[in-house]
N, C-alpha and C. Protein backbone atom coordinates (compact mmCIF):
# COMPACT_ATOMS: atom_id res chain seq x y z
N UNK A 1 103.79 95.29 84.74
CA UNK A 1 105.17 95.09 85.11
C UNK A 1 105.35 95.45 86.58
N UNK A 2 106.18 94.72 87.28
CA UNK A 2 106.46 94.96 88.69
C UNK A 2 107.22 96.26 88.86
N UNK A 3 107.40 96.67 90.12
CA UNK A 3 108.20 97.86 90.39
C UNK A 3 109.61 97.63 89.85
N UNK A 4 110.18 98.61 89.16
CA UNK A 4 111.51 98.43 88.57
C UNK A 4 112.56 98.06 89.61
N UNK A 5 113.47 97.22 89.21
CA UNK A 5 114.58 96.80 90.06
C UNK A 5 115.71 97.80 89.88
N UNK A 6 116.31 98.21 90.95
CA UNK A 6 117.44 99.13 90.87
C UNK A 6 118.73 98.33 90.76
N UNK A 7 119.52 98.68 89.78
CA UNK A 7 120.80 98.00 89.56
C UNK A 7 121.89 98.79 90.28
N UNK A 8 122.81 98.09 90.90
CA UNK A 8 123.91 98.75 91.60
C UNK A 8 124.72 99.58 90.60
N UNK A 9 124.98 100.84 90.91
CA UNK A 9 125.72 101.70 89.98
C UNK A 9 127.07 101.10 89.55
N UNK A 10 127.77 100.47 90.47
CA UNK A 10 129.07 99.88 90.14
C UNK A 10 128.90 98.73 89.14
N UNK A 11 127.85 97.94 89.29
CA UNK A 11 127.57 96.86 88.35
C UNK A 11 127.29 97.43 86.96
N UNK A 12 126.47 98.45 86.90
CA UNK A 12 126.16 99.09 85.62
C UNK A 12 127.42 99.67 84.97
N UNK A 13 128.27 100.29 85.76
CA UNK A 13 129.52 100.85 85.25
C UNK A 13 130.40 99.75 84.66
N UNK A 14 130.52 98.65 85.38
CA UNK A 14 131.38 97.56 84.89
C UNK A 14 130.78 96.87 83.68
N UNK A 15 129.47 96.71 83.62
CA UNK A 15 128.84 96.15 82.43
C UNK A 15 129.10 97.04 81.22
N UNK A 16 129.01 98.34 81.43
CA UNK A 16 129.27 99.31 80.36
C UNK A 16 130.71 99.20 79.88
N UNK A 17 131.64 98.98 80.79
CA UNK A 17 133.04 98.82 80.40
C UNK A 17 133.23 97.56 79.55
N UNK A 18 132.44 96.54 79.80
CA UNK A 18 132.57 95.28 79.05
C UNK A 18 132.00 95.41 77.64
N UNK A 19 130.78 95.93 77.51
CA UNK A 19 130.11 95.92 76.20
C UNK A 19 129.99 97.29 75.54
N UNK A 20 130.23 98.36 76.27
CA UNK A 20 130.09 99.70 75.71
C UNK A 20 128.72 100.28 76.02
N UNK A 21 128.66 101.59 76.11
CA UNK A 21 127.44 102.28 76.51
C UNK A 21 126.27 102.03 75.55
N UNK A 22 126.56 101.89 74.27
CA UNK A 22 125.49 101.69 73.29
C UNK A 22 124.90 100.28 73.33
N UNK A 23 125.51 99.40 74.12
CA UNK A 23 125.05 98.01 74.20
C UNK A 23 124.44 97.68 75.56
N UNK A 24 123.92 98.72 76.23
CA UNK A 24 123.25 98.58 77.53
C UNK A 24 121.90 99.27 77.42
N UNK A 25 120.87 98.61 77.92
CA UNK A 25 119.54 99.25 77.94
C UNK A 25 118.93 99.10 79.33
N UNK A 26 118.41 100.20 79.83
CA UNK A 26 117.73 100.19 81.13
C UNK A 26 116.37 100.88 81.08
N UNK A 27 115.97 101.37 79.90
CA UNK A 27 114.68 102.06 79.81
C UNK A 27 113.53 101.05 79.91
N UNK A 28 112.39 101.51 80.33
CA UNK A 28 111.24 100.63 80.61
C UNK A 28 110.81 99.81 79.40
N UNK A 29 110.77 100.42 78.22
CA UNK A 29 110.34 99.68 77.02
C UNK A 29 111.30 98.54 76.70
N UNK A 30 112.59 98.78 76.81
CA UNK A 30 113.59 97.74 76.53
C UNK A 30 113.52 96.63 77.57
N UNK A 31 113.38 97.01 78.84
CA UNK A 31 113.27 96.00 79.90
C UNK A 31 112.06 95.11 79.66
N UNK A 32 110.96 95.71 79.24
CA UNK A 32 109.74 94.95 78.95
C UNK A 32 109.96 94.03 77.74
N UNK A 33 110.54 94.56 76.68
CA UNK A 33 110.71 93.80 75.43
C UNK A 33 111.68 92.63 75.58
N UNK A 34 112.88 92.90 76.08
CA UNK A 34 113.90 91.85 76.17
C UNK A 34 113.79 91.00 77.43
N UNK A 35 112.92 91.39 78.34
CA UNK A 35 112.78 90.66 79.60
C UNK A 35 111.77 89.53 79.56
N UNK A 36 111.23 89.22 78.37
CA UNK A 36 110.18 88.20 78.31
C UNK A 36 110.28 87.39 77.02
N UNK A 37 109.53 86.30 76.99
CA UNK A 37 109.31 85.55 75.76
C UNK A 37 107.81 85.57 75.49
N UNK A 38 107.28 84.60 74.77
CA UNK A 38 105.85 84.61 74.44
C UNK A 38 104.96 84.08 75.57
N UNK A 39 105.55 83.73 76.69
CA UNK A 39 104.78 83.28 77.84
C UNK A 39 104.01 84.46 78.42
N UNK A 40 102.84 84.20 78.91
CA UNK A 40 102.03 85.28 79.50
C UNK A 40 101.86 85.13 81.00
N UNK A 41 102.53 84.14 81.62
CA UNK A 41 102.31 83.83 83.03
C UNK A 41 103.14 84.67 84.00
N UNK A 42 104.19 85.32 83.52
CA UNK A 42 105.10 86.05 84.40
C UNK A 42 105.34 87.44 83.83
N UNK A 43 105.37 88.42 84.70
CA UNK A 43 105.69 89.77 84.28
C UNK A 43 107.20 89.95 84.25
N UNK A 44 107.73 90.52 83.17
CA UNK A 44 109.18 90.75 83.12
C UNK A 44 109.57 91.86 84.10
N UNK A 45 110.73 91.68 84.72
CA UNK A 45 111.24 92.70 85.64
C UNK A 45 112.77 92.58 85.74
N UNK A 46 113.47 92.68 84.60
CA UNK A 46 114.93 92.61 84.65
C UNK A 46 115.51 93.93 85.16
N UNK A 47 116.79 93.90 85.51
CA UNK A 47 117.44 95.14 85.95
C UNK A 47 118.15 95.85 84.82
N UNK A 48 118.63 95.09 83.83
CA UNK A 48 119.39 95.67 82.73
C UNK A 48 119.44 94.67 81.59
N UNK A 49 119.54 95.18 80.37
CA UNK A 49 119.72 94.35 79.18
C UNK A 49 121.11 94.66 78.64
N UNK A 50 121.90 93.61 78.37
CA UNK A 50 123.23 93.81 77.78
C UNK A 50 123.30 93.04 76.46
N UNK A 51 124.07 93.57 75.52
CA UNK A 51 124.19 93.01 74.19
C UNK A 51 125.66 92.73 73.87
N UNK A 52 126.19 91.62 74.37
CA UNK A 52 127.58 91.29 74.07
C UNK A 52 127.73 90.92 72.59
N UNK A 53 128.97 91.02 72.09
CA UNK A 53 129.22 90.65 70.70
C UNK A 53 130.25 89.53 70.59
N UNK A 54 130.70 89.00 71.72
CA UNK A 54 131.69 87.93 71.69
C UNK A 54 131.53 87.01 72.90
N UNK A 55 132.07 85.82 72.75
CA UNK A 55 132.07 84.85 73.85
C UNK A 55 132.83 85.42 75.05
N UNK A 56 133.91 86.11 74.78
CA UNK A 56 134.72 86.69 75.86
C UNK A 56 133.91 87.70 76.67
N UNK A 57 133.10 88.51 75.98
CA UNK A 57 132.25 89.46 76.70
C UNK A 57 131.21 88.73 77.55
N UNK A 58 130.64 87.66 77.02
CA UNK A 58 129.68 86.88 77.80
C UNK A 58 130.36 86.33 79.05
N UNK A 59 131.57 85.83 78.90
CA UNK A 59 132.31 85.30 80.05
C UNK A 59 132.52 86.38 81.11
N UNK A 60 132.87 87.58 80.69
CA UNK A 60 133.08 88.68 81.64
C UNK A 60 131.79 89.07 82.34
N UNK A 61 130.69 89.05 81.60
CA UNK A 61 129.38 89.36 82.19
C UNK A 61 129.02 88.32 83.24
N UNK A 62 129.25 87.05 82.94
CA UNK A 62 128.95 85.98 83.90
C UNK A 62 129.78 86.14 85.16
N UNK A 63 131.07 86.43 85.01
CA UNK A 63 131.94 86.64 86.18
C UNK A 63 131.44 87.80 87.03
N UNK A 64 131.06 88.88 86.36
CA UNK A 64 130.57 90.06 87.06
C UNK A 64 129.25 89.78 87.78
N UNK A 65 128.35 89.08 87.12
CA UNK A 65 127.07 88.72 87.75
C UNK A 65 127.32 87.87 88.99
N UNK A 66 128.25 86.94 88.91
CA UNK A 66 128.60 86.12 90.08
C UNK A 66 129.16 86.99 91.20
N UNK A 67 130.02 87.92 90.84
CA UNK A 67 130.62 88.81 91.84
C UNK A 67 129.54 89.62 92.57
N UNK A 68 128.52 90.07 91.84
CA UNK A 68 127.45 90.88 92.42
C UNK A 68 126.25 90.04 92.87
N UNK A 69 126.36 88.71 92.70
CA UNK A 69 125.29 87.80 93.10
C UNK A 69 123.95 88.14 92.43
N UNK A 70 124.02 88.38 91.11
CA UNK A 70 122.84 88.69 90.32
C UNK A 70 122.67 87.59 89.28
N UNK A 71 121.46 87.10 89.15
CA UNK A 71 121.18 86.05 88.17
C UNK A 71 121.20 86.60 86.76
N UNK A 72 121.39 85.70 85.80
CA UNK A 72 121.40 86.05 84.37
C UNK A 72 120.28 85.28 83.69
N UNK A 73 119.61 85.95 82.76
CA UNK A 73 118.64 85.30 81.90
C UNK A 73 119.11 85.49 80.46
N UNK A 74 119.33 84.39 79.72
CA UNK A 74 119.71 84.53 78.32
C UNK A 74 118.50 84.92 77.49
N UNK A 75 118.76 85.70 76.45
CA UNK A 75 117.68 86.15 75.58
C UNK A 75 118.10 86.02 74.13
N UNK A 76 117.34 85.23 73.39
CA UNK A 76 117.58 85.07 71.96
C UNK A 76 116.45 85.73 71.20
N UNK A 77 115.75 84.94 70.40
CA UNK A 77 114.63 85.47 69.64
C UNK A 77 113.38 85.66 70.48
N UNK A 78 113.39 85.14 71.71
CA UNK A 78 112.28 85.23 72.65
C UNK A 78 110.99 84.66 72.07
N UNK A 79 111.14 83.56 71.30
CA UNK A 79 109.98 82.93 70.66
C UNK A 79 109.42 81.79 71.49
N UNK A 80 110.05 81.47 72.61
CA UNK A 80 109.64 80.33 73.42
C UNK A 80 108.33 80.54 74.15
N UNK A 81 107.77 79.43 74.59
CA UNK A 81 106.52 79.45 75.33
C UNK A 81 106.67 78.84 76.71
N UNK A 82 107.91 78.69 77.18
CA UNK A 82 108.14 78.00 78.46
C UNK A 82 108.70 78.93 79.54
N UNK A 83 108.74 80.20 79.30
CA UNK A 83 109.24 81.21 80.24
C UNK A 83 110.75 81.13 80.44
N UNK A 84 111.45 80.45 79.54
CA UNK A 84 112.90 80.33 79.66
C UNK A 84 113.63 81.63 79.46
N UNK A 85 113.00 82.61 78.83
CA UNK A 85 113.64 83.90 78.61
C UNK A 85 112.96 85.02 79.40
N UNK A 86 112.21 84.66 80.43
CA UNK A 86 111.55 85.67 81.26
C UNK A 86 112.46 86.01 82.44
N UNK A 87 112.77 87.28 82.56
CA UNK A 87 113.55 87.78 83.69
C UNK A 87 112.58 88.50 84.62
N UNK A 88 112.11 87.83 85.64
CA UNK A 88 111.06 88.37 86.50
C UNK A 88 111.57 88.90 87.84
N UNK A 89 112.88 88.69 88.13
CA UNK A 89 113.38 89.00 89.47
C UNK A 89 114.67 89.82 89.47
N UNK A 90 114.76 90.80 88.58
CA UNK A 90 115.91 91.70 88.58
C UNK A 90 117.16 91.15 87.91
N UNK A 91 117.00 90.12 87.10
CA UNK A 91 118.15 89.51 86.44
C UNK A 91 118.80 90.46 85.44
N UNK A 92 120.05 90.12 85.09
CA UNK A 92 120.72 90.74 83.94
C UNK A 92 120.28 89.92 82.74
N UNK A 93 119.69 90.55 81.76
CA UNK A 93 119.33 89.84 80.53
C UNK A 93 120.51 89.97 79.57
N UNK A 94 121.02 88.83 79.13
CA UNK A 94 122.10 88.80 78.15
C UNK A 94 121.45 88.46 76.81
N UNK A 95 121.33 89.48 75.96
CA UNK A 95 120.74 89.29 74.64
C UNK A 95 121.81 88.86 73.65
N UNK A 96 121.49 87.87 72.85
CA UNK A 96 122.44 87.38 71.84
C UNK A 96 122.17 87.98 70.47
N UNK A 97 121.38 89.06 70.42
CA UNK A 97 121.05 89.71 69.15
C UNK A 97 122.29 90.17 68.37
N UNK A 98 123.33 90.59 69.05
CA UNK A 98 124.55 91.09 68.39
C UNK A 98 125.56 89.98 68.12
N UNK A 99 125.29 88.79 68.61
CA UNK A 99 126.18 87.64 68.35
C UNK A 99 125.54 86.81 67.25
N UNK A 100 125.49 87.37 66.05
CA UNK A 100 124.72 86.79 64.96
C UNK A 100 125.57 86.48 63.72
N UNK A 101 126.81 86.10 63.93
CA UNK A 101 127.71 85.86 62.81
C UNK A 101 127.89 84.37 62.51
N UNK A 102 127.91 84.05 61.23
CA UNK A 102 128.36 82.74 60.78
C UNK A 102 129.86 82.88 60.61
N UNK A 103 130.61 82.24 61.47
CA UNK A 103 132.05 82.49 61.58
C UNK A 103 132.90 81.69 60.60
N UNK A 104 132.50 80.45 60.35
CA UNK A 104 133.35 79.58 59.55
C UNK A 104 132.50 78.50 58.89
N UNK A 105 132.89 78.11 57.69
CA UNK A 105 132.22 77.02 56.98
C UNK A 105 133.26 75.96 56.64
N UNK A 106 132.94 74.73 56.95
CA UNK A 106 133.82 73.59 56.68
C UNK A 106 133.13 72.71 55.63
N UNK A 107 133.39 72.97 54.32
CA UNK A 107 132.65 72.25 53.28
C UNK A 107 132.81 70.74 53.33
N UNK A 108 134.00 70.25 53.60
CA UNK A 108 134.22 68.80 53.61
C UNK A 108 133.38 68.11 54.69
N UNK A 109 133.14 68.81 55.78
CA UNK A 109 132.37 68.26 56.89
C UNK A 109 130.90 68.69 56.86
N UNK A 110 130.58 69.60 55.95
CA UNK A 110 129.23 70.20 55.89
C UNK A 110 128.85 70.76 57.26
N UNK A 111 129.73 71.57 57.79
CA UNK A 111 129.58 72.08 59.14
C UNK A 111 129.88 73.58 59.16
N UNK A 112 129.22 74.29 60.05
CA UNK A 112 129.49 75.72 60.25
C UNK A 112 129.79 75.96 61.72
N UNK A 113 130.56 77.00 61.96
CA UNK A 113 130.77 77.50 63.32
C UNK A 113 130.06 78.84 63.36
N UNK A 114 129.14 78.96 64.30
CA UNK A 114 128.29 80.16 64.37
C UNK A 114 128.26 80.71 65.79
N UNK A 115 127.75 81.93 65.90
CA UNK A 115 127.47 82.50 67.21
C UNK A 115 126.03 82.17 67.58
N UNK A 116 125.74 82.21 68.86
CA UNK A 116 124.43 81.78 69.38
C UNK A 116 123.25 82.59 68.84
N UNK A 117 123.48 83.82 68.43
CA UNK A 117 122.38 84.67 67.98
C UNK A 117 122.05 84.57 66.50
N UNK A 118 122.67 83.65 65.78
CA UNK A 118 122.32 83.46 64.37
C UNK A 118 120.86 83.01 64.30
N UNK A 119 120.10 83.67 63.47
CA UNK A 119 118.68 83.36 63.31
C UNK A 119 118.54 82.13 62.41
N UNK A 120 117.58 81.28 62.73
CA UNK A 120 117.37 80.03 61.99
C UNK A 120 117.30 80.28 60.49
N UNK A 121 116.51 81.23 60.07
CA UNK A 121 116.35 81.54 58.65
C UNK A 121 117.68 82.00 58.03
N UNK A 122 118.48 82.71 58.78
CA UNK A 122 119.80 83.16 58.32
C UNK A 122 120.67 81.95 57.98
N UNK A 123 120.65 80.93 58.84
CA UNK A 123 121.43 79.73 58.57
C UNK A 123 120.83 78.94 57.40
N UNK A 124 119.52 78.90 57.31
CA UNK A 124 118.89 78.23 56.17
C UNK A 124 119.32 78.87 54.85
N UNK A 125 119.31 80.20 54.81
CA UNK A 125 119.72 80.92 53.60
C UNK A 125 121.19 80.70 53.30
N UNK A 126 122.03 80.70 54.31
CA UNK A 126 123.45 80.46 54.13
C UNK A 126 123.69 79.06 53.57
N UNK A 127 123.01 78.08 54.13
CA UNK A 127 123.16 76.69 53.67
C UNK A 127 122.75 76.59 52.20
N UNK A 128 121.68 77.25 51.84
CA UNK A 128 121.21 77.21 50.45
C UNK A 128 122.26 77.78 49.50
N UNK A 129 122.91 78.86 49.90
CA UNK A 129 123.97 79.47 49.07
C UNK A 129 125.16 78.52 48.90
N UNK A 130 125.31 77.60 49.83
CA UNK A 130 126.40 76.62 49.76
C UNK A 130 125.95 75.35 49.03
N UNK A 131 124.73 75.36 48.49
CA UNK A 131 124.19 74.19 47.81
C UNK A 131 123.73 73.12 48.78
N UNK A 132 123.40 73.53 49.99
CA UNK A 132 122.98 72.59 51.03
C UNK A 132 121.62 72.98 51.57
N UNK A 133 121.16 72.21 52.53
CA UNK A 133 119.84 72.44 53.11
C UNK A 133 119.93 72.27 54.61
N UNK A 134 119.48 73.28 55.36
CA UNK A 134 119.38 73.15 56.82
C UNK A 134 117.92 72.82 57.13
N UNK A 135 117.63 71.59 57.52
CA UNK A 135 116.25 71.11 57.57
C UNK A 135 115.41 71.58 58.75
N UNK A 136 116.02 72.09 59.79
CA UNK A 136 115.23 72.50 60.96
C UNK A 136 114.43 73.73 60.57
N UNK A 137 113.11 73.65 60.76
CA UNK A 137 112.25 74.76 60.35
C UNK A 137 111.11 74.90 61.35
N UNK A 138 110.90 76.11 61.80
CA UNK A 138 109.84 76.43 62.76
C UNK A 138 108.99 77.54 62.17
N UNK A 139 107.82 77.74 62.71
CA UNK A 139 107.02 78.90 62.33
C UNK A 139 107.78 80.18 62.67
N UNK A 140 108.64 80.09 63.67
CA UNK A 140 109.40 81.27 64.12
C UNK A 140 110.80 81.35 63.49
N UNK A 141 111.02 80.67 62.37
CA UNK A 141 112.36 80.62 61.76
C UNK A 141 112.93 82.00 61.46
N UNK A 142 112.10 82.99 61.22
CA UNK A 142 112.59 84.33 60.90
C UNK A 142 113.07 85.09 62.14
N UNK A 143 112.80 84.55 63.34
CA UNK A 143 113.23 85.26 64.55
C UNK A 143 113.88 84.36 65.59
N UNK A 144 113.66 83.05 65.54
CA UNK A 144 114.28 82.18 66.53
C UNK A 144 115.79 82.10 66.28
N UNK A 145 116.54 82.02 67.36
CA UNK A 145 118.00 81.98 67.24
C UNK A 145 118.52 80.58 67.52
N UNK A 146 119.65 80.24 66.89
CA UNK A 146 120.18 78.89 66.99
C UNK A 146 120.56 78.52 68.42
N UNK A 147 121.06 79.46 69.21
CA UNK A 147 121.38 79.16 70.60
C UNK A 147 120.16 78.65 71.34
N UNK A 148 119.02 79.30 71.12
CA UNK A 148 117.77 78.87 71.74
C UNK A 148 117.28 77.56 71.16
N UNK A 149 117.44 77.39 69.84
CA UNK A 149 117.03 76.14 69.20
C UNK A 149 117.75 74.97 69.84
N UNK A 150 119.06 75.12 70.00
CA UNK A 150 119.85 74.04 70.60
C UNK A 150 119.54 73.86 72.07
N UNK A 151 119.34 74.97 72.76
CA UNK A 151 119.06 74.92 74.20
C UNK A 151 117.74 74.27 74.54
N UNK A 152 116.79 74.31 73.60
CA UNK A 152 115.49 73.71 73.87
C UNK A 152 115.28 72.41 73.12
N UNK A 153 116.30 71.92 72.46
CA UNK A 153 116.29 70.62 71.77
C UNK A 153 115.07 70.42 70.89
N UNK A 154 115.04 71.11 69.73
CA UNK A 154 113.87 71.00 68.85
C UNK A 154 113.65 69.60 68.31
């Protein structure tokens, strides 16, 4: 891992105000874990990991990152092999691990409204309980998140 990136204290304070102290990680193990995917070509070097629980919190984080001119790297299940979830240059990693709710089911349309961090297998199990089938299946179904699935067009 590269030399740790120092995050501006004011940025850290404001991120904490958005998501709460328990939803911020800056320790080396967390930076290593959430700062990468399965790619081996780049060393992770994020400045902070944040765990929002709502779209509104994500919006506030994006505004704050723009204000401080800091890049953001989204982090889902980190199952990718394309370095899309590698934060190598002091980025703020926005983890969608806490945005894992199936919010609404529309039976007539056979449609759900979900948060980006819903795990593929979680949606498969939910569909089965509704007497339906969610056909998208990966070897990483137990850890890949729907936001990443959609973002990488499976």
